[in-house]
Every structure is written in structure tokens, then in C-alpha cells.
């Protein structure tokens, strides 16, 4: 069953090209649509160097990522 669920997540992440990244921290609550790329179970979100998200992610790496489909 775990293999089925793992493959289902990989199938859902594969076609995603943009996500909404939401963080909360020193810079306050931030939400921004950003490009991303999935490799297996890993989703890489391309956060600009000038983004307020970086301040929030420095102390707390937890974030919420959403798309129009999920």
C-alpha cells in the first residue's frame, strides 16, 4: 500500500510547474506564486534571493505549498 501512495504522490508532483509558497515568521505571513520542479518525492521551489520568504525560512523551514489542483 505504501508503494501505491508513494507513486500517487510522485504522479501528482510531476506535472507541477508553479506553486503558492506560504511561510510565517520574522517577515510576517508571506504567500507568493513561485516556479518549482519535482524530482520524485522532492519538490524544489525556486525562491528569489530578495524574497521575504528567506527571512521566514531561516529560522523555521516549515512551509505550506499549494497548487490549483491540490
Protein backbone atom coordinates (compact mmCIF):
# COMPACT_ATOMS: atom_id res chain seq x y z
CA UNK A 1 0.00 0.00 0.00
CA UNK A 2 2.82 2.41 0.79
CA UNK A 3 4.32 1.92 -2.68
CA UNK A 4 0.97 2.82 -4.26
CA UNK A 5 0.70 6.02 -2.21
CA UNK A 6 4.31 6.96 -2.92
CA UNK A 7 3.71 6.57 -6.66
CA UNK A 8 0.49 8.58 -6.42
CA UNK A 9 2.38 11.50 -4.83
CA UNK A 10 5.10 11.29 -7.49
CA UNK A 11 2.42 11.35 -10.20
CA UNK A 12 0.78 14.43 -8.66
CA UNK A 13 4.04 16.35 -8.21
CA UNK A 14 5.45 15.55 -11.67
CA UNK A 15 3.49 17.99 -13.86
CA UNK A 16 3.53 20.88 -11.35
CA UNK A 17 5.43 23.94 -12.61
CA UNK A 18 4.23 26.64 -10.22
CA UNK A 19 3.07 26.57 -6.60
CA UNK A 20 1.95 29.01 -3.96
CA UNK A 21 4.52 29.08 -1.17
CA UNK A 22 3.26 30.28 2.22
CA UNK A 23 5.53 31.00 5.17
CA UNK A 24 5.23 32.75 8.51
CA UNK A 25 7.98 34.20 10.67
CA UNK A 26 10.06 37.35 11.23
CA UNK A 27 8.89 38.86 7.94
CA UNK A 28 5.24 38.16 8.78
CA UNK A 29 2.87 35.99 6.79
CA UNK A 30 4.02 35.64 3.19
CA UNK A 31 2.38 33.96 0.20
CA UNK A 32 3.75 34.03 -3.32
CA UNK A 33 3.34 32.08 -6.55
CA UNK A 34 6.75 30.66 -7.49
CA UNK A 35 8.18 28.28 -10.09
CA UNK A 36 9.06 24.78 -8.96
CA UNK A 37 10.34 21.45 -10.19
CA UNK A 38 9.68 17.97 -8.87
CA UNK A 39 12.16 15.09 -8.74
CA UNK A 40 10.49 12.02 -7.33
CA UNK A 41 9.17 12.88 -3.87
CA UNK A 42 11.19 16.10 -3.68
CA UNK A 43 9.65 19.41 -4.72
CA UNK A 44 12.14 22.22 -5.32
CA UNK A 45 10.66 25.71 -5.09
CA UNK A 46 12.75 28.47 -6.67
CA UNK A 47 12.73 31.26 -4.08
CA UNK A 48 14.27 34.58 -5.23
CA UNK A 49 17.21 35.90 -3.21
CA UNK A 50 15.28 39.09 -2.45
CA UNK A 51 12.20 37.27 -1.17
CA UNK A 52 10.80 37.83 2.31
CA UNK A 53 10.32 34.06 2.46
CA UNK A 54 14.05 33.65 3.06
CA UNK A 55 13.83 35.53 6.36
CA UNK A 56 11.00 33.28 7.47
CA UNK A 57 12.66 30.07 6.28
CA UNK A 58 15.96 30.86 8.03
CA UNK A 59 14.52 30.25 11.48
CA UNK A 60 11.64 27.95 10.62
CA UNK A 61 11.97 25.80 7.49
CA UNK A 62 8.33 24.69 7.65
CA UNK A 63 6.15 25.98 4.82
CA UNK A 64 2.86 25.28 3.10
CA UNK A 65 2.83 24.62 -0.63
CA UNK A 66 -0.38 24.53 -2.66
CA UNK A 67 -1.47 24.48 -6.29
CA UNK A 68 -4.76 24.92 -8.10
CA UNK A 69 -5.25 21.15 -8.16
CA UNK A 70 -4.28 20.25 -4.59
